[in-house]
Protein backbone atom coordinates (compact mmCIF):
# COMPACT_ATOMS: atom_id res chain seq x y z
CA LEU A 1 -1.41 -24.11 7.57
CA LEU A 2 -0.68 -20.95 5.58
CA GLY A 3 -1.10 -20.66 1.83
CA ARG A 4 -3.03 -19.03 -1.01
CA ASN A 5 -5.83 -21.58 -0.68
CA PRO A 6 -4.67 -24.07 1.99
CA ALA A 7 -6.08 -27.56 2.24
CA GLN A 8 -5.64 -30.28 4.85
CA VAL A 9 -2.51 -32.36 4.23
CA ASP A 10 -1.27 -35.64 5.71
CA GLY A 11 -0.09 -35.19 9.27
CA PHE A 12 -2.11 -32.02 9.79
CA ALA A 13 -5.71 -33.30 9.72
CA THR A 14 -6.90 -30.95 12.48
CA ALA A 15 -4.80 -27.91 11.53
CA ARG A 16 -6.39 -24.51 11.14
CA LEU A 17 -6.33 -23.23 7.53
CA LEU A 18 -5.25 -19.61 7.09
CA PRO A 19 -5.56 -18.30 3.51
CA ILE A 20 -3.16 -15.49 2.58
CA ALA A 21 -4.07 -13.14 -0.27
CA ASP A 22 -1.29 -13.29 -2.87
CA SER A 23 -2.07 -11.93 -6.33
CA ALA A 24 1.61 -12.37 -7.32
CA ARG A 25 1.30 -16.13 -6.58
CA SER A 26 4.61 -16.28 -4.69
CA ILE A 27 2.91 -18.40 -2.02
CA SER A 28 1.98 -22.01 -2.78
CA LYS A 29 -1.59 -23.24 -2.31
CA THR A 30 -0.58 -24.91 0.99
CA HIS A 31 2.85 -23.43 1.71
CA VAL A 32 3.90 -23.73 5.37
CA ALA A 33 2.77 -25.28 8.65
CA VAL A 34 3.32 -23.38 11.91
CA GLY A 35 2.90 -24.61 15.47
CA PRO A 36 3.94 -23.85 19.06
CA ALA A 37 7.41 -24.86 20.30
CA GLY A 38 8.39 -23.73 23.79
CA ALA A 39 9.08 -20.00 23.73
CA GLY A 40 8.84 -19.85 19.93
CA VAL A 41 7.25 -21.77 17.10
CA TRP A 42 8.17 -24.48 14.63
CA VAL A 43 7.71 -24.08 10.89
CA GLN A 44 7.62 -26.75 8.21
CA ASP A 45 7.90 -26.09 4.48
CA LEU A 46 5.19 -28.22 2.86
CA HIS A 47 7.20 -28.74 -0.34
CA SER A 48 6.35 -25.25 -1.58
CA THR A 49 7.63 -23.78 -4.82
CA ASN A 50 9.42 -20.77 -3.29
CA GLY A 51 10.47 -22.28 0.03
CA VAL A 52 10.62 -21.06 3.61
CA ARG A 53 13.52 -19.09 5.08
CA VAL A 54 14.28 -18.27 8.72
CA THR A 55 16.38 -15.21 9.55
CA ASP A 56 17.63 -14.99 13.14
CA PRO A 57 17.86 -11.62 14.94
CA ALA A 58 21.58 -11.39 14.03
CA GLY A 59 20.71 -11.59 10.30
CA ALA A 60 21.79 -15.18 9.53
CA THR A 61 19.33 -16.83 7.10
CA THR A 62 18.64 -20.54 6.79
CA ARG A 63 16.43 -22.19 4.18
CA ALA A 64 14.08 -24.79 5.68
CA THR A 65 14.38 -28.30 4.27
CA PRO A 66 10.96 -29.29 2.89
CA GLY A 67 9.15 -31.72 5.18
CA GLU A 68 11.35 -31.01 8.23
CA ARG A 69 10.35 -28.86 11.20
CA VAL A 70 12.56 -25.94 12.14
CA THR A 71 12.31 -24.33 15.59
CA VAL A 72 12.10 -20.55 15.39
CA LEU A 73 12.84 -18.44 18.46
CA PRO A 74 11.41 -15.01 19.32
CA GLY A 75 12.85 -12.17 17.24
CA ALA A 76 13.42 -14.34 14.16
CA THR A 77 11.69 -13.67 10.83
CA VAL A 78 10.01 -16.41 8.81
CA THR A 79 9.73 -15.68 5.08
CA TYR A 80 7.46 -17.70 2.77
CA GLY A 81 7.08 -16.55 -0.80
CA ASP A 82 7.15 -12.75 -0.65
CA ARG A 83 5.44 -12.65 2.77
CA SER A 84 7.00 -12.83 6.23
CA PHE A 85 6.24 -12.68 9.93
CA VAL A 86 8.33 -12.06 13.04
CA VAL A 87 8.03 -14.51 15.93
CA GLY A 88 7.11 -12.61 19.11
């Protein structure tokens, strides 16, 4: 679970908590869940304020629906608040 000050949430009782420094407060306290999915990962917006977006290698961007997992393949970028990471 990634966020400014993440806490355990329903459905993720054993998840690892990874705090992300964010003085601009663009990231919610508990913003996004990430887990393994085949060759990539899945992400789930945890009803954050600024949402989660996935941009595929071709540049098409999709906004994740809060509460639903989205599979993200290698080469795609996941953006949450004003932070992002590329799936390797």
